[in-house]
Protein backbone atom coordinates (compact mmCIF):
# COMPACT_ATOMS: atom_id res chain seq x y z
CA MET A 1 6.80 -12.48 -21.08
CA LYS A 2 4.61 -10.92 -23.79
CA ASN A 3 1.58 -11.18 -21.51
CA TYR A 4 3.12 -8.62 -19.16
CA LEU A 5 4.14 -6.10 -21.82
CA GLY A 6 1.06 -3.90 -21.30
CA VAL A 7 1.55 -3.71 -17.55
CA ALA A 8 5.29 -3.20 -17.97
CA LEU A 9 4.70 -0.26 -20.29
CA THR A 10 2.08 1.43 -18.14
CA VAL A 11 3.93 0.80 -14.88
CA GLY A 12 7.12 2.15 -16.41
CA ILE A 13 5.47 5.31 -17.69
CA LEU A 14 3.46 5.96 -14.53
CA ALA A 15 6.41 5.17 -12.24
CA GLY A 16 8.59 7.64 -14.12
CA LEU A 17 5.90 10.31 -13.88
CA TRP A 18 5.41 9.57 -10.17
CA ALA A 19 9.15 9.81 -9.49
CA GLN A 20 9.33 13.12 -11.35
CA PHE A 21 6.25 14.84 -9.97
CA SER A 22 5.66 13.44 -6.47
CA PRO A 23 8.38 15.65 -4.91
CA VAL A 24 7.02 18.68 -6.78
CA LEU A 25 3.61 17.93 -5.28
CA GLY A 26 5.12 17.51 -1.81
CA LEU A 27 4.50 13.77 -1.74
CA VAL A 28 6.96 11.16 -0.49
CA THR A 29 7.87 9.06 -3.52
CA TRP A 30 8.82 5.83 -1.79
CA VAL A 31 5.59 5.77 0.27
CA GLY A 32 3.60 5.82 -2.96
CA PHE A 33 5.65 2.93 -4.30
CA VAL A 34 4.94 0.96 -1.12
CA ALA A 35 1.19 1.34 -1.67
CA TRP A 36 1.59 0.55 -5.37
CA ALA A 37 3.29 -2.71 -4.46
CA ALA A 38 0.61 -3.42 -1.83
CA TYR A 39 -2.06 -3.07 -4.51
CA PHE A 40 -0.47 -5.83 -6.60
CA ALA A 41 0.31 -7.96 -3.53
CA SER A 42 -3.34 -7.80 -2.51
CA GLY A 43 -4.29 -9.39 -5.82
CA GLY A 44 -5.19 -6.26 -7.75
CA THR A 45 -8.68 -5.44 -9.06
CA ALA A 46 -11.12 -3.00 -7.47
CA ARG A 47 -11.36 -5.24 -4.41
CA GLY A 48 -7.59 -5.13 -3.96
CA LEU A 49 -7.62 -1.36 -4.33
CA GLY A 50 -10.20 -1.03 -1.58
CA SER A 51 -8.35 -3.44 0.65
CA THR A 52 -5.05 -1.64 0.06
CA LEU A 53 -6.54 1.78 0.78
CA VAL A 54 -8.24 0.71 3.99
CA THR A 55 -5.46 -1.45 5.44
CA THR A 56 -2.54 0.86 4.65
CA ALA A 57 -4.48 3.79 6.10
CA SER A 58 -5.29 1.80 9.24
CA GLY A 59 -1.62 0.90 9.66
CA ALA A 60 -0.55 4.53 9.27
CA ALA A 61 -3.18 5.54 11.83
CA TYR A 62 -1.93 2.92 14.30
CA GLY A 63 1.62 4.20 13.81
CA TRP A 64 0.47 7.76 14.42
CA LEU A 65 -1.31 6.62 17.58
CA VAL A 66 1.87 5.06 18.98
CA VAL A 67 3.94 8.16 18.21
CA THR A 68 1.29 10.43 19.72
CA VAL A 69 0.41 8.48 22.86
CA THR A 70 3.61 6.78 24.04
CA PRO A 71 5.62 9.96 24.80
CA ALA A 72 3.05 10.74 27.49
CA ILE A 73 3.74 7.42 29.23
CA PRO A 74 6.64 7.84 31.67
CA ALA A 75 7.83 4.25 31.53
CA ALA A 76 10.85 2.62 29.96
CA GLY A 77 9.87 0.63 26.91
CA ALA A 78 6.57 2.45 26.34
CA VAL A 79 7.22 2.73 22.60
CA ALA A 80 8.07 -0.97 22.36
CA VAL A 81 4.88 -1.91 24.20
CA GLY A 82 2.90 0.45 21.98
CA VAL A 83 4.36 -1.09 18.83
CA GLY A 84 3.60 -4.56 20.17
CA ILE A 85 0.00 -3.58 20.83
CA ILE A 86 -0.54 -2.09 17.39
CA ALA A 87 1.11 -5.08 15.73
CA ALA A 88 -1.38 -7.34 17.51
CA LEU A 89 -4.28 -5.04 16.60
CA MET A 90 -3.23 -4.99 12.94
CA CYS A 91 -3.51 -8.78 12.94
CA LEU A 92 -6.75 -8.87 14.92
CA GLN A 93 -8.47 -6.33 12.68
CA ALA A 94 -8.18 -8.90 9.88
CA GLY A 95 -11.25 -10.54 11.42
CA TRP A 96 -13.21 -7.96 9.40
CA ALA A 97 -13.06 -8.86 5.72
CA VAL A 98 -12.33 -5.32 4.57
CA LEU A 99 -9.28 -5.24 6.88
CA GLY A 100 -8.17 -8.78 6.05
CA PHE A 101 -5.00 -7.83 4.14
CA ILE A 102 -2.60 -7.86 7.10
CA PRO A 103 0.50 -6.92 5.06
CA GLY A 104 -1.24 -3.70 4.04
CA ALA A 105 -1.56 -2.60 7.66
CA PHE A 106 2.12 -3.31 8.33
CA LEU A 107 3.13 -1.49 5.15
CA GLY A 108 1.05 1.52 6.20
CA ALA A 109 2.55 1.60 9.69
CA SER A 110 6.07 1.21 8.31
CA SER A 111 5.45 4.00 5.84
CA PHE A 112 4.32 6.31 8.63
CA PHE A 113 7.28 5.43 10.86
CA GLY A 114 9.73 6.02 7.99
CA ASN A 115 8.21 9.27 6.77
CA PRO A 116 9.38 12.33 8.71
CA GLU A 117 6.68 14.43 7.03
CA GLY A 118 3.89 13.02 9.22
CA ILE A 119 0.51 11.37 8.99
CA TRP A 120 -1.17 13.47 6.28
CA SER A 121 1.79 13.20 3.96
CA THR A 122 1.86 9.45 4.53
CA LEU A 123 -1.87 8.97 3.97
CA LEU A 124 -1.91 11.05 0.80
CA ALA A 125 1.06 9.22 -0.71
CA LEU A 126 -0.50 5.86 0.23
CA VAL A 127 -3.76 6.80 -1.51
CA VAL A 128 -2.04 8.09 -4.64
CA GLY A 129 0.28 5.06 -4.79
CA ALA A 130 -2.59 2.58 -4.46
CA CYS A 131 -4.53 4.43 -7.16
CA LEU A 132 -1.47 4.38 -9.42
CA GLY A 133 -1.28 0.63 -8.88
CA TRP A 134 -4.90 0.27 -9.95
CA LEU A 135 -4.42 2.62 -12.92
CA SER A 136 -1.34 0.77 -14.11
CA ASP A 137 -3.18 -2.55 -13.82
CA VAL A 138 -6.29 -1.39 -15.69
CA THR A 139 -4.43 0.50 -18.41
CA GLY A 140 -1.89 -2.30 -18.68
CA LYS A 141 -4.65 -4.78 -19.47
CA LEU A 142 -6.11 -2.35 -22.00
CA VAL A 143 -2.74 -1.91 -23.71
CA GLN A 144 -2.23 -5.68 -23.63
CA SER A 145 -5.55 -6.25 -25.39
CA LYS A 146 -4.55 -3.77 -28.10
CA ILE A 147 -1.21 -5.43 -28.86
CA GLY A 148 -2.90 -8.72 -29.57
CA THR A 149 -1.83 -11.14 -26.85
CA SER A 150 -3.95 -12.22 -23.96
CA ALA A 151 -3.83 -9.91 -20.99
CA ALA A 152 -2.55 -11.83 -18.02
CA THR A 153 -3.93 -11.01 -14.65
CA VAL A 154 -1.08 -9.49 -12.73
CA GLU A 155 -0.82 -11.51 -9.58
CA PRO A 156 2.01 -12.20 -7.20
CA ALA A 157 3.92 -15.42 -7.90
CA THR A 158 2.45 -16.79 -4.69
CA PRO A 159 -0.70 -14.86 -3.81
CA VAL A 160 -0.73 -13.36 -0.37
CA GLU A 161 -3.37 -15.00 1.75
CA THR A 162 -5.56 -12.70 3.76
CA ALA A 163 -7.17 -13.58 7.03
CA ALA A 164 -10.64 -13.15 5.54
CA ARG A 165 -10.29 -16.03 3.10
C-alpha cells in the first residue's frame, strides 16, 4: 500500500483540481477522466501517453465520422452499420504499433458519442485527461521517492494487451 502513496496523493490532488476547473474551462470532466484511466490502462510511461493520445483521438474521429456521414444515408440501420464499420476499423488499425491500444480507440469513440458538446470538446478533454494521467504518474513517482519507499510502477492488475505486442 505504501508504494502507491505518491500516486494516490498526486492523483487525488490533480483529480480534485480537474473536477473543480474543467467546467470553468468549458471541458467535459468525465471525458478527461476516461483518458486519464486509459493512460494507466495502456501501461503508463511516455509510450503509454502517446498511445493514449493517438488511439483515443482516432476513436473520437471515427465516432464523428459516423455521426456526420450516416444521416445522409437514407437507409434503415445506417447508424448501426456505420458503428459496426468503425468498430472493425478500430480493431484493424491496431496493425500499426502506434494504434495498437484498441481500448483507447473504443474509449475515444464512446467519449465522443456521450459528449453532446461535440468533437473539439471531446478531443481537448481527451488530451488534457491523458496528460493529467502522465503528470500524476510522473509526480507520483517523484513524491514516492521523497517519502522513502520504493516507487512502484503503476500498472493495471492485469496489463491490457495491445495488438502490437
